[in-house]
Amino acid sequence: MAQQREKGSHHVAAAARAARTRASRADSGQPGRRGGGAMDVFGGEVRRRDVFPLLVLHLIEREPAYGNRLIEDIEGITDGVISVNPNTIYPLLRDLEARGLIEGQWEHPDRRTRRFYSITAAGRKEYRRLVTELEPFLDSVIKSVTLIKREIYEDGSSRGR
């Protein structure tokens, strides 16, 4: 079983937790997809629906952060179920910055170490818009995953249990 990170009290998306199937855990001994490891679920419908930008804006709104810190925070919030590839986070950060939603500052400008991002006024406005717009979609994801889990595990007919 993968170690769980303790990062204080976070609101953990029920859909992310429910995404771990018992078959995956039995197969690999770890959460995530078959064969082990965490899932990078920020593609497909989730990306199209702006869920990933919403999460990143949420984390940056809470406190300024750099790319690797955001990756660690997302893995911590989801107990390691969701893993974010650097090739996913950094293009998003550049896009959010180009759109004026966040602004980045180098920790040490002369050495270009970590680039800390903070949310702008436009970013706060976009964050509030996404929070309102995406809640029904996230509720539908949670409902769908809950129904799938109930169908498989709670109806009493699951084989191999």
C-alpha atoms as a PDB file:
ATOM      1  CA  MET A   1       0.000   0.000   0.000  1.00  0.00           C
ATOM      2  CA  ALA A   2       1.410   3.395  -0.938  1.00  0.00           C
ATOM      3  CA  GLN A   3       2.255   5.696   1.918  1.00  0.00           C
ATOM      4  CA  GLN A   4      -0.355   8.321   2.617  1.00  0.00           C
ATOM      5  CA  ARG A   5       0.816  11.881   2.972  1.00  0.00           C
ATOM      6  CA  GLU A   6      -0.540  13.973   5.761  1.00  0.00           C
ATOM      7  CA  LYS A   7      -0.867  17.558   4.614  1.00  0.00           C
ATOM      8  CA  GLY A   8      -3.401  18.953   7.053  1.00  0.00           C
ATOM      9  CA  SER A   9      -7.085  19.115   6.437  1.00  0.00           C
ATOM     10  CA  HIS A  10      -7.827  19.262   2.698  1.00  0.00           C
ATOM     11  CA  HIS A  11     -11.074  18.859   0.898  1.00  0.00           C
ATOM     12  CA  VAL A  12     -10.324  15.716  -1.059  1.00  0.00           C
ATOM     13  CA  ALA A  13     -12.311  15.078  -4.194  1.00  0.00           C
ATOM     14  CA  ALA A  14     -14.429  12.009  -3.630  1.00  0.00           C
ATOM     15  CA  ALA A  15     -14.120  11.111  -7.284  1.00  0.00           C
ATOM     16  CA  ALA A  16     -10.346  10.908  -7.031  1.00  0.00           C
ATOM     17  CA  ARG A  17     -10.524   8.601  -4.026  1.00  0.00           C
ATOM     18  CA  ALA A  18     -13.165   6.411  -5.619  1.00  0.00           C
ATOM     19  CA  ALA A  19     -11.049   6.091  -8.769  1.00  0.00           C
ATOM     20  CA  ARG A  20      -8.883   3.521  -7.006  1.00  0.00           C
ATOM     21  CA  THR A  21     -10.338   0.166  -7.788  1.00  0.00           C
ATOM     22  CA  ARG A  22      -9.834  -2.888  -5.658  1.00  0.00           C
ATOM     23  CA  ALA A  23      -8.602  -4.762  -8.694  1.00  0.00           C
ATOM     24  CA  SER A  24      -5.816  -2.240  -9.253  1.00  0.00           C
ATOM     25  CA  ARG A  25      -4.730  -2.423  -5.661  1.00  0.00           C
ATOM     26  CA  ALA A  26      -4.776  -6.193  -5.668  1.00  0.00           C
ATOM     27  CA  ASP A  27      -2.897  -6.267  -8.954  1.00  0.00           C
ATOM     28  CA  SER A  28      -0.090  -3.930  -7.977  1.00  0.00           C
ATOM     29  CA  GLY A  29      -0.225  -3.373  -4.250  1.00  0.00           C
ATOM     30  CA  GLN A  30      -0.458   0.346  -4.990  1.00  0.00           C
ATOM     31  CA  PRO A  31      -3.199   2.781  -5.871  1.00  0.00           C
ATOM     32  CA  GLY A  32      -3.559   3.777  -9.471  1.00  0.00           C
ATOM     33  CA  ARG A  33      -3.810   2.058 -12.788  1.00  0.00           C
ATOM     34  CA  ARG A  34      -3.046  -1.598 -13.473  1.00  0.00           C
ATOM     35  CA  GLY A  35       0.604  -2.312 -12.934  1.00  0.00           C
ATOM     36  CA  GLY A  36       1.016   0.261 -10.174  1.00  0.00           C
ATOM     37  CA  GLY A  37       1.766   3.903  -9.899  1.00  0.00           C
ATOM     38  CA  ALA A  38      -0.511   6.869  -9.772  1.00  0.00           C
ATOM     39  CA  MET A  39      -2.815   8.060 -12.508  1.00  0.00           C
ATOM     40  CA  ASP A  40      -2.409  11.315 -14.403  1.00  0.00           C
ATOM     41  CA  VAL A  41      -6.109  11.964 -14.834  1.00  0.00           C
ATOM     42  CA  PHE A  42      -5.756  15.554 -15.979  1.00  0.00           C
ATOM     43  CA  GLY A  43      -6.405  14.736 -19.578  1.00  0.00           C
ATOM     44  CA  GLY A  44      -9.472  14.156 -21.657  1.00  0.00           C
ATOM     45  CA  GLU A  45     -12.748  15.415 -20.259  1.00  0.00           C
ATOM     46  CA  VAL A  46     -11.203  16.668 -17.021  1.00  0.00           C
ATOM     47  CA  ARG A  47      -8.810  18.946 -18.907  1.00  0.00           C
ATOM     48  CA  ARG A  48     -11.501  20.071 -21.343  1.00  0.00           C
ATOM     49  CA  ARG A  49     -13.732  20.985 -18.427  1.00  0.00           C
ATOM     50  CA  ASP A  50     -11.052  23.188 -16.828  1.00  0.00           C
ATOM     51  CA  VAL A  51     -10.879  21.088 -13.662  1.00  0.00           C
ATOM     52  CA  PHE A  52      -7.081  21.073 -13.635  1.00  0.00           C
ATOM     53  CA  PRO A  53      -6.769  24.857 -14.090  1.00  0.00           C
ATOM     54  CA  LEU A  54      -9.377  25.281 -11.343  1.00  0.00           C
ATOM     55  CA  LEU A  55      -7.359  23.124  -8.959  1.00  0.00           C
ATOM     56  CA  VAL A  56      -4.118  24.949  -9.774  1.00  0.00           C
ATOM     57  CA  LEU A  57      -5.763  28.355  -9.342  1.00  0.00           C
ATOM     58  CA  HIS A  58      -7.240  27.138  -6.046  1.00  0.00           C
ATOM     59  CA  LEU A  59      -3.849  26.061  -4.719  1.00  0.00           C
ATOM     60  CA  ILE A  60      -2.118  29.254  -5.865  1.00  0.00           C
ATOM     61  CA  GLU A  61      -4.956  31.371  -4.458  1.00  0.00           C
ATOM     62  CA  ARG A  62      -4.397  29.691  -1.105  1.00  0.00           C
ATOM     63  CA  GLU A  63      -0.673  30.511  -1.188  1.00  0.00           C
ATOM     64  CA  PRO A  64       1.977  31.298  -3.816  1.00  0.00           C
ATOM     65  CA  ALA A  65       3.631  28.133  -5.095  1.00  0.00           C
ATOM     66  CA  TYR A  66       6.114  26.808  -7.657  1.00  0.00           C
ATOM     67  CA  GLY A  67       5.531  23.950 -10.099  1.00  0.00           C
ATOM     68  CA  ASN A  68       7.019  21.063  -8.136  1.00  0.00           C
ATOM     69  CA  ARG A  69       5.225  22.225  -4.989  1.00  0.00           C
ATOM     70  CA  LEU A  70       1.920  22.150  -6.877  1.00  0.00           C
ATOM     71  CA  ILE A  71       2.686  18.618  -8.068  1.00  0.00           C
ATOM     72  CA  GLU A  72       3.408  17.556  -4.471  1.00  0.00           C
ATOM     73  CA  ASP A  73       0.275  19.290  -3.162  1.00  0.00           C
ATOM     74  CA  ILE A  74      -1.962  17.561  -5.709  1.00  0.00           C
ATOM     75  CA  GLU A  75      -0.444  14.176  -4.882  1.00  0.00           C
ATOM     76  CA  GLY A  76      -0.922  14.943  -1.167  1.00  0.00           C
ATOM     77  CA  ILE A  77      -4.531  16.075  -1.553  1.00  0.00           C
ATOM     78  CA  THR A  78      -5.367  12.868  -3.421  1.00  0.00           C
ATOM     79  CA  ASP A  79      -3.339  10.539  -1.188  1.00  0.00           C
ATOM     80  CA  GLY A  80      -1.055   9.786  -4.117  1.00  0.00           C
ATOM     81  CA  VAL A  81      -3.851   8.580  -6.397  1.00  0.00           C
ATOM     82  CA  ILE A  82      -3.373  11.427  -8.852  1.00  0.00           C
ATOM     83  CA  SER A  83       0.079  12.157 -10.177  1.00  0.00           C
ATOM     84  CA  VAL A  84       0.758  15.228 -12.290  1.00  0.00           C
ATOM     85  CA  ASN A  85       3.449  15.066 -14.915  1.00  0.00           C
ATOM     86  CA  PRO A  86       5.747  18.130 -15.136  1.00  0.00           C
ATOM     87  CA  ASN A  87       4.876  18.181 -18.857  1.00  0.00           C
ATOM     88  CA  THR A  88       1.309  18.896 -17.778  1.00  0.00           C
ATOM     89  CA  ILE A  89       1.842  21.451 -14.996  1.00  0.00           C
ATOM     90  CA  TYR A  90       4.450  23.731 -16.551  1.00  0.00           C
ATOM     91  CA  PRO A  91       2.628  24.413 -19.843  1.00  0.00           C
ATOM     92  CA  LEU A  92      -0.502  25.164 -17.810  1.00  0.00           C
ATOM     93  CA  LEU A  93       1.398  27.589 -15.569  1.00  0.00           C
ATOM     94  CA  ARG A  94       2.826  29.353 -18.641  1.00  0.00           C
ATOM     95  CA  ASP A  95      -0.666  29.558 -20.166  1.00  0.00           C
ATOM     96  CA  LEU A  96      -2.246  30.913 -16.968  1.00  0.00           C
ATOM     97  CA  GLU A  97       0.550  33.481 -16.734  1.00  0.00           C
ATOM     98  CA  ALA A  98       0.168  34.500 -20.404  1.00  0.00           C
ATOM     99  CA  ARG A  99      -3.574  34.985 -19.790  1.00  0.00           C
ATOM    100  CA  GLY A 100      -2.810  37.242 -16.817  1.00  0.00           C
ATOM    101  CA  LEU A 101      -4.416  34.907 -14.275  1.00  0.00           C
ATOM    102  CA  ILE A 102      -1.212  34.309 -12.319  1.00  0.00           C
ATOM    103  CA  GLU A 103       2.141  36.029 -12.171  1.00  0.00           C
ATOM    104  CA  GLY A 104       5.476  34.384 -11.611  1.00  0.00           C
ATOM    105  CA  GLN A 105       8.581  35.653  -9.884  1.00  0.00           C
ATOM    106  CA  TRP A 106      11.914  33.875  -9.723  1.00  0.00           C
ATOM    107  CA  GLU A 107      13.019  33.080  -6.181  1.00  0.00           C
ATOM    108  CA  HIS A 108      16.542  34.197  -7.155  1.00  0.00           C
ATOM    109  CA  PRO A 109      16.274  36.099 -10.465  1.00  0.00           C
ATOM    110  CA  ASP A 110      19.991  35.871 -11.145  1.00  0.00           C
ATOM    111  CA  ARG A 111      19.986  32.056 -10.822  1.00  0.00           C
ATOM    112  CA  ARG A 112      16.487  31.176 -12.091  1.00  0.00           C
ATOM    113  CA  THR A 113      15.826  28.644  -9.368  1.00  0.00           C
ATOM    114  CA  ARG A 114      12.147  28.292  -8.446  1.00  0.00           C
ATOM    115  CA  ARG A 115       9.459  30.411 -10.044  1.00  0.00           C
ATOM    116  CA  PHE A 116       6.781  31.246  -7.486  1.00  0.00           C
ATOM    117  CA  TYR A 117       3.324  31.943  -8.870  1.00  0.00           C
ATOM    118  CA  SER A 118       0.676  34.088  -7.239  1.00  0.00           C
ATOM    119  CA  ILE A 119      -2.879  34.739  -8.356  1.00  0.00           C
ATOM    120  CA  THR A 120      -3.853  38.078  -9.908  1.00  0.00           C
ATOM    121  CA  ALA A 121      -7.168  39.942  -9.624  1.00  0.00           C
ATOM    122  CA  ALA A 122      -8.142  38.500 -13.024  1.00  0.00           C
ATOM    123  CA  GLY A 123      -7.130  35.059 -11.745  1.00  0.00           C
ATOM    124  CA  ARG A 124      -9.396  35.421  -8.699  1.00  0.00           C
ATOM    125  CA  LYS A 125     -12.282  36.374 -10.980  1.00  0.00           C
ATOM    126  CA  GLU A 126     -11.627  33.366 -13.244  1.00  0.00           C
ATOM    127  CA  TYR A 127     -11.262  31.122 -10.174  1.00  0.00           C
ATOM    128  CA  ARG A 128     -14.701  32.199  -8.872  1.00  0.00           C
ATOM    129  CA  ARG A 129     -16.210  31.646 -12.333  1.00  0.00           C
ATOM    130  CA  LEU A 130     -14.743  28.142 -12.599  1.00  0.00           C
ATOM    131  CA  VAL A 131     -15.823  27.233  -9.052  1.00  0.00           C
ATOM    132  CA  THR A 132     -19.427  28.063  -9.958  1.00  0.00           C
ATOM    133  CA  GLU A 133     -19.343  26.624 -13.471  1.00  0.00           C
ATOM    134  CA  LEU A 134     -17.644  23.317 -12.663  1.00  0.00           C
ATOM    135  CA  GLU A 135     -19.458  22.270  -9.503  1.00  0.00           C
ATOM    136  CA  PRO A 136     -22.294  20.515 -11.425  1.00  0.00           C
ATOM    137  CA  PHE A 137     -19.740  18.654 -13.566  1.00  0.00           C
ATOM    138  CA  LEU A 138     -17.738  17.559 -10.499  1.00  0.00           C
ATOM    139  CA  ASP A 139     -20.960  16.481  -8.782  1.00  0.00           C
ATOM    140  CA  SER A 140     -21.814  14.355 -11.830  1.00  0.00           C
ATOM    141  CA  VAL A 141     -18.344  12.744 -11.760  1.00  0.00           C
ATOM    142  CA  ILE A 142     -18.727  11.931  -8.057  1.00  0.00           C
ATOM    143  CA  LYS A 143     -22.223  10.533  -8.644  1.00  0.00           C
ATOM    144  CA  SER A 144     -21.070   8.405 -11.588  1.00  0.00           C
ATOM    145  CA  VAL A 145     -18.080   6.946  -9.750  1.00  0.00           C
ATOM    146  CA  THR A 146     -20.231   6.287  -6.673  1.00  0.00           C
ATOM    147  CA  LEU A 147     -22.798   4.456  -8.799  1.00  0.00           C
ATOM    148  CA  ILE A 148     -20.082   2.386 -10.475  1.00  0.00           C
ATOM    149  CA  LYS A 149     -18.603   1.474  -7.100  1.00  0.00           C
ATOM    150  CA  ARG A 150     -22.022   0.589  -5.712  1.00  0.00           C
ATOM    151  CA  GLU A 151     -22.787  -1.542  -8.766  1.00  0.00           C
ATOM    152  CA  ILE A 152     -19.544  -3.468  -8.453  1.00  0.00           C
ATOM    153  CA  TYR A 153     -18.934  -3.692  -4.701  1.00  0.00           C
ATOM    154  CA  GLU A 154     -22.070  -2.967  -2.746  1.00  0.00           C
ATOM    155  CA  ASP A 155     -24.745  -4.979  -4.512  1.00  0.00           C
ATOM    156  CA  GLY A 156     -23.445  -8.192  -2.975  1.00  0.00           C
ATOM    157  CA  SER A 157     -22.830  -9.934  -6.269  1.00  0.00           C
ATOM    158  CA  SER A 158     -19.141  -9.153  -6.740  1.00  0.00           C
ATOM    159  CA  ARG A 159     -17.177 -12.279  -7.440  1.00  0.00           C
ATOM    160  CA  GLY A 160     -13.773 -12.999  -5.976  1.00  0.00           C
ATOM    161  CA  ARG A 161     -14.349 -11.111  -2.756  1.00  0.00           C
END
